[in-house]
C-alpha atoms as a PDB file:
ATOM      1  CA  UNK A   1      97.674 241.864-141.117  1.00  0.00           C
ATOM      2  CA  UNK A   2      94.116 242.269-139.911  1.00  0.00           C
ATOM      3  CA  UNK A   3      93.430 241.694-136.260  1.00  0.00           C
ATOM      4  CA  UNK A   4      90.835 242.729-133.709  1.00  0.00           C
ATOM      5  CA  UNK A   5      91.697 245.937-131.868  1.00  0.00           C
ATOM      6  CA  UNK A   6      91.583 245.140-128.108  1.00  0.00           C
ATOM      7  CA  UNK A   7      89.761 247.064-125.420  1.00  0.00           C
ATOM      8  CA  UNK A   8      87.940 249.663-127.583  1.00  0.00           C
ATOM      9  CA  UNK A   9      84.268 250.324-127.214  1.00  0.00           C
ATOM     10  CA  UNK A  10      82.812 250.072-130.653  1.00  0.00           C
ATOM     11  CA  UNK A  11      80.387 252.163-132.630  1.00  0.00           C
ATOM     12  CA  UNK A  12      81.172 250.560-136.009  1.00  0.00           C
ATOM     13  CA  UNK A  13      80.979 253.422-138.395  1.00  0.00           C
ATOM     14  CA  UNK A  14      82.420 255.988-135.956  1.00  0.00           C
ATOM     15  CA  UNK A  15      85.349 253.874-134.818  1.00  0.00           C
ATOM     16  CA  UNK A  16      86.245 252.679-138.292  1.00  0.00           C
ATOM     17  CA  UNK A  17      86.063 256.258-139.639  1.00  0.00           C
ATOM     18  CA  UNK A  18      88.161 257.715-136.831  1.00  0.00           C
ATOM     19  CA  UNK A  19      91.250 255.750-137.756  1.00  0.00           C
ATOM     20  CA  UNK A  20      94.126 257.621-139.464  1.00  0.00           C
ATOM     21  CA  UNK A  21      94.060 257.646-143.246  1.00  0.00           C
ATOM     22  CA  UNK A  22      96.954 255.151-143.451  1.00  0.00           C
ATOM     23  CA  UNK A  23      94.921 252.421-141.730  1.00  0.00           C
ATOM     24  CA  UNK A  24      91.925 250.374-142.845  1.00  0.00           C
ATOM     25  CA  UNK A  25      89.283 249.797-140.275  1.00  0.00           C
ATOM     26  CA  UNK A  26      86.457 247.186-140.562  1.00  0.00           C
ATOM     27  CA  UNK A  27      83.773 246.580-137.912  1.00  0.00           C
ATOM     28  CA  UNK A  28      82.122 243.167-137.779  1.00  0.00           C
ATOM     29  CA  UNK A  29      79.994 241.909-134.918  1.00  0.00           C
ATOM     30  CA  UNK A  30      81.128 244.725-132.593  1.00  0.00           C
ATOM     31  CA  UNK A  31      84.827 244.044-133.234  1.00  0.00           C
ATOM     32  CA  UNK A  32      87.122 246.516-134.929  1.00  0.00           C
ATOM     33  CA  UNK A  33      89.681 244.966-137.344  1.00  0.00           C
ATOM     34  CA  UNK A  34      92.574 247.220-138.207  1.00  0.00           C
ATOM     35  CA  UNK A  35      95.070 246.750-141.111  1.00  0.00           C
ATOM     36  CA  UNK A  36      97.361 248.700-143.271  1.00  0.00           C
ATOM     37  CA  UNK A  37      96.214 249.163-146.842  1.00  0.00           C
ATOM     38  CA  UNK A  38      98.095 246.958-149.311  1.00  0.00           C
ATOM     39  CA  UNK A  39      99.984 249.148-151.778  1.00  0.00           C
ATOM     40  CA  UNK A  40     100.813 246.125-153.915  1.00  0.00           C
ATOM     41  CA  UNK A  41      97.141 245.150-153.999  1.00  0.00           C
ATOM     42  CA  UNK A  42      96.023 248.621-154.907  1.00  0.00           C
ATOM     43  CA  UNK A  43      98.654 248.914-157.669  1.00  0.00           C
ATOM     44  CA  UNK A  44      97.867 245.502-159.065  1.00  0.00           C
ATOM     45  CA  UNK A  45      94.107 246.150-159.153  1.00  0.00           C
ATOM     46  CA  UNK A  46      94.414 249.674-160.646  1.00  0.00           C
ATOM     47  CA  UNK A  47      94.179 248.499-164.310  1.00  0.00           C
ATOM     48  CA  UNK A  48      90.619 247.256-163.450  1.00  0.00           C
ATOM     49  CA  UNK A  49      89.524 250.597-162.059  1.00  0.00           C
ATOM     50  CA  UNK A  50      89.864 252.256-165.473  1.00  0.00           C
ATOM     51  CA  UNK A  51      88.024 249.428-167.311  1.00  0.00           C
ATOM     52  CA  UNK A  52      84.562 249.435-165.762  1.00  0.00           C
ATOM     53  CA  UNK A  53      82.010 248.406-168.332  1.00  0.00           C
ATOM     54  CA  UNK A  54      79.368 250.938-169.454  1.00  0.00           C
ATOM     55  CA  UNK A  55      76.751 251.574-166.752  1.00  0.00           C
ATOM     56  CA  UNK A  56      79.180 250.460-163.961  1.00  0.00           C
ATOM     57  CA  UNK A  57      81.183 252.455-161.430  1.00  0.00           C
ATOM     58  CA  UNK A  58      84.139 250.831-159.626  1.00  0.00           C
ATOM     59  CA  UNK A  59      86.269 251.963-156.806  1.00  0.00           C
ATOM     60  CA  UNK A  60      89.058 250.494-154.696  1.00  0.00           C
ATOM     61  CA  UNK A  61      88.852 249.943-150.973  1.00  0.00           C
ATOM     62  CA  UNK A  62      85.481 251.663-150.378  1.00  0.00           C
ATOM     63  CA  UNK A  63      84.298 251.842-146.829  1.00  0.00           C
ATOM     64  CA  UNK A  64      80.883 250.179-146.937  1.00  0.00           C
ATOM     65  CA  UNK A  65      78.350 250.681-144.205  1.00  0.00           C
ATOM     66  CA  UNK A  66      76.210 247.523-144.283  1.00  0.00           C
ATOM     67  CA  UNK A  67      73.871 247.628-141.375  1.00  0.00           C
ATOM     68  CA  UNK A  68      75.999 247.712-138.224  1.00  0.00           C
ATOM     69  CA  UNK A  69      79.003 246.406-140.097  1.00  0.00           C
ATOM     70  CA  UNK A  70      81.720 248.409-141.838  1.00  0.00           C
ATOM     71  CA  UNK A  71      83.460 246.408-144.526  1.00  0.00           C
ATOM     72  CA  UNK A  72      86.240 247.435-146.920  1.00  0.00           C
ATOM     73  CA  UNK A  73      86.522 245.082-149.954  1.00  0.00           C
ATOM     74  CA  UNK A  74      89.504 245.469-152.278  1.00  0.00           C
ATOM     75  CA  UNK A  75      87.173 246.565-155.049  1.00  0.00           C
ATOM     76  CA  UNK A  76      83.463 247.235-155.272  1.00  0.00           C
ATOM     77  CA  UNK A  77      81.114 248.111-158.148  1.00  0.00           C
ATOM     78  CA  UNK A  78      77.684 249.517-158.669  1.00  0.00           C
ATOM     79  CA  UNK A  79      75.400 249.429-161.672  1.00  0.00           C
ATOM     80  CA  UNK A  80      73.990 252.786-162.575  1.00  0.00           C
ATOM     81  CA  UNK A  81      76.804 255.070-161.447  1.00  0.00           C
ATOM     82  CA  UNK A  82      78.532 256.398-158.393  1.00  0.00           C
ATOM     83  CA  UNK A  83      76.698 255.761-155.081  1.00  0.00           C
ATOM     84  CA  UNK A  84      75.947 258.559-152.629  1.00  0.00           C
ATOM     85  CA  UNK A  85      78.098 258.914-149.541  1.00  0.00           C
ATOM     86  CA  UNK A  86      76.918 259.386-146.005  1.00  0.00           C
ATOM     87  CA  UNK A  87      76.980 262.916-144.610  1.00  0.00           C
ATOM     88  CA  UNK A  88      79.052 261.900-141.592  1.00  0.00           C
ATOM     89  CA  UNK A  89      82.089 260.830-143.597  1.00  0.00           C
ATOM     90  CA  UNK A  90      83.408 258.755-146.464  1.00  0.00           C
ATOM     91  CA  UNK A  91      81.396 255.642-145.891  1.00  0.00           C
ATOM     92  CA  UNK A  92      79.081 254.447-148.667  1.00  0.00           C
ATOM     93  CA  UNK A  93      75.636 253.360-147.569  1.00  0.00           C
ATOM     94  CA  UNK A  94      74.487 251.942-150.903  1.00  0.00           C
ATOM     95  CA  UNK A  95      75.070 248.165-151.166  1.00  0.00           C
ATOM     96  CA  UNK A  96      77.334 247.406-154.165  1.00  0.00           C
ATOM     97  CA  UNK A  97      76.305 244.975-156.852  1.00  0.00           C
ATOM     98  CA  UNK A  98      79.778 243.374-156.998  1.00  0.00           C
ATOM     99  CA  UNK A  99      82.764 243.046-154.759  1.00  0.00           C
ATOM    100  CA  UNK A 100      86.259 241.647-155.221  1.00  0.00           C
ATOM    101  CA  UNK A 101      88.539 240.475-152.484  1.00  0.00           C
ATOM    102  CA  UNK A 102      92.197 239.552-152.947  1.00  0.00           C
ATOM    103  CA  UNK A 103      93.144 236.621-150.605  1.00  0.00           C
ATOM    104  CA  UNK A 104      96.399 236.661-148.649  1.00  0.00           C
ATOM    105  CA  UNK A 105      97.573 234.498-145.775  1.00  0.00           C
ATOM    106  CA  UNK A 106      96.856 237.404-143.351  1.00  0.00           C
ATOM    107  CA  UNK A 107      93.334 238.143-144.682  1.00  0.00           C
ATOM    108  CA  UNK A 108      91.943 234.884-146.022  1.00  0.00           C
ATOM    109  CA  UNK A 109      90.298 233.748-142.807  1.00  0.00           C
ATOM    110  CA  UNK A 110      88.472 237.059-142.191  1.00  0.00           C
ATOM    111  CA  UNK A 111      87.582 237.451-145.853  1.00  0.00           C
ATOM    112  CA  UNK A 112      86.174 233.901-146.273  1.00  0.00           C
ATOM    113  CA  UNK A 113      84.631 233.117-142.935  1.00  0.00           C
ATOM    114  CA  UNK A 114      83.331 236.573-141.837  1.00  0.00           C
ATOM    115  CA  UNK A 115      83.101 239.079-144.643  1.00  0.00           C
ATOM    116  CA  UNK A 116      81.818 236.840-147.527  1.00  0.00           C
ATOM    117  CA  UNK A 117      78.707 235.746-145.572  1.00  0.00           C
ATOM    118  CA  UNK A 118      78.102 239.426-144.582  1.00  0.00           C
ATOM    119  CA  UNK A 119      78.259 240.393-148.220  1.00  0.00           C
ATOM    120  CA  UNK A 120      75.612 237.846-149.143  1.00  0.00           C
ATOM    121  CA  UNK A 121      73.316 238.873-146.270  1.00  0.00           C
ATOM    122  CA  UNK A 122      73.670 242.524-147.368  1.00  0.00           C
ATOM    123  CA  UNK A 123      72.314 241.521-150.838  1.00  0.00           C
ATOM    124  CA  UNK A 124      75.505 241.886-152.873  1.00  0.00           C
ATOM    125  CA  UNK A 125      74.831 239.807-155.994  1.00  0.00           C
ATOM    126  CA  UNK A 126      78.356 239.041-157.297  1.00  0.00           C
ATOM    127  CA  UNK A 127      81.714 238.326-155.655  1.00  0.00           C
ATOM    128  CA  UNK A 128      85.157 237.643-157.018  1.00  0.00           C
ATOM    129  CA  UNK A 129      87.892 236.057-154.930  1.00  0.00           C
ATOM    130  CA  UNK A 130      91.365 236.374-156.260  1.00  0.00           C
ATOM    131  CA  UNK A 131      94.035 234.062-154.789  1.00  0.00           C
ATOM    132  CA  UNK A 132      97.371 235.371-156.218  1.00  0.00           C
ATOM    133  CA  UNK A 133      99.461 232.760-154.408  1.00  0.00           C
ATOM    134  CA  UNK A 134      97.623 229.842-156.147  1.00  0.00           C
ATOM    135  CA  UNK A 135      96.713 231.742-159.340  1.00  0.00           C
ATOM    136  CA  UNK A 136      92.976 231.239-158.939  1.00  0.00           C
ATOM    137  CA  UNK A 137      89.963 233.518-159.591  1.00  0.00           C
ATOM    138  CA  UNK A 138      86.652 232.314-158.225  1.00  0.00           C
ATOM    139  CA  UNK A 139      83.461 233.949-159.435  1.00  0.00           C
ATOM    140  CA  UNK A 140      80.375 233.663-157.222  1.00  0.00           C
ATOM    141  CA  UNK A 141      76.691 234.708-157.503  1.00  0.00           C
ATOM    142  CA  UNK A 142      74.499 235.150-154.475  1.00  0.00           C
ATOM    143  CA  UNK A 143      71.232 233.277-154.345  1.00  0.00           C
ATOM    144  CA  UNK A 144      68.874 233.373-151.312  1.00  0.00           C
ATOM    145  CA  UNK A 145      71.701 234.595-148.987  1.00  0.00           C
ATOM    146  CA  UNK A 146      74.225 231.968-150.024  1.00  0.00           C
ATOM    147  CA  UNK A 147      77.062 232.041-152.541  1.00  0.00           C
ATOM    148  CA  UNK A 148      77.038 229.743-155.606  1.00  0.00           C
ATOM    149  CA  UNK A 149      80.365 229.162-157.340  1.00  0.00           C
ATOM    150  CA  UNK A 150      79.789 229.989-161.023  1.00  0.00           C
ATOM    151  CA  UNK A 151      83.282 229.864-162.551  1.00  0.00           C
ATOM    152  CA  UNK A 152      86.877 229.165-161.631  1.00  0.00           C
ATOM    153  CA  UNK A 153      89.758 230.563-163.705  1.00  0.00           C
ATOM    154  CA  UNK A 154      93.443 229.784-163.298  1.00  0.00           C
ATOM    155  CA  UNK A 155      96.911 230.757-164.459  1.00  0.00           C
ATOM    156  CA  UNK A 156      96.819 232.428-167.853  1.00  0.00           C
ATOM    157  CA  UNK A 157      93.113 232.038-168.646  1.00  0.00           C
ATOM    158  CA  UNK A 158      91.363 234.809-170.453  1.00  0.00           C
ATOM    159  CA  UNK A 159      88.292 235.747-168.430  1.00  0.00           C
ATOM    160  CA  UNK A 160      84.766 236.809-169.328  1.00  0.00           C
ATOM    161  CA  UNK A 161      82.995 236.414-166.065  1.00  0.00           C
ATOM    162  CA  UNK A 162      79.700 237.550-164.640  1.00  0.00           C
ATOM    163  CA  UNK A 163      78.629 240.214-164.149  1.00  0.00           C
ATOM    164  CA  UNK A 164      81.122 241.629-166.701  1.00  0.00           C
ATOM    165  CA  UNK A 165      80.844 239.061-169.579  1.00  0.00           C
ATOM    166  CA  UNK A 166      81.501 241.831-172.198  1.00  0.00           C
ATOM    167  CA  UNK A 167      84.891 242.704-170.572  1.00  0.00           C
ATOM    168  CA  UNK A 168      87.815 240.339-171.366  1.00  0.00           C
ATOM    169  CA  UNK A 169      90.528 240.187-168.718  1.00  0.00           C
ATOM    170  CA  UNK A 170      93.848 238.455-168.496  1.00  0.00           C
ATOM    171  CA  UNK A 171      94.804 237.027-165.081  1.00  0.00           C
ATOM    172  CA  UNK A 172      98.570 237.533-165.171  1.00  0.00           C
ATOM    173  CA  UNK A 173      98.462 240.980-163.545  1.00  0.00           C
ATOM    174  CA  UNK A 174      96.546 239.583-160.587  1.00  0.00           C
ATOM    175  CA  UNK A 175      99.245 237.032-159.792  1.00  0.00           C
ATOM    176  CA  UNK A 176     101.605 239.904-159.058  1.00  0.00           C
ATOM    177  CA  UNK A 177      99.416 240.844-156.078  1.00  0.00           C
ATOM    178  CA  UNK A 178     100.958 238.118-153.856  1.00  0.00           C
END
């Protein structure tokens, strides 16, 4: 469960990076959100990590430094290879081209209302939202700082979705993330 950490002065990238390795820290609008990484989510998304299309590099739970915010999507991808890291630590300061978030009852509000608009403002062009409870994958493209819903896939659909139209995915493994 993600929740604001109370009573901590916040320097976003320092505070989020100072957490123990077994916690995920995200800093948004001067508030530190702390959660435990989801083992089920990481395991369920691992088949995607080995299937990045040519020219793409994907990684799970990267710590993204986007302005004064530190965000940790479930997956992120860059066209043109692995991004550089910041010298101070493991944060990535290159904006990804694509992010993927897995919705859960404990993260949906933060992911939808706070993180998704930040991703658009940062210039991320593509976003996937996976709802394993309702068996829905939504595919978005950013235009002028706002998200446009491009496709919705459900249940046992076979997926070829932007920006990975050449890659065919089955959705069944995602439904096990709930």
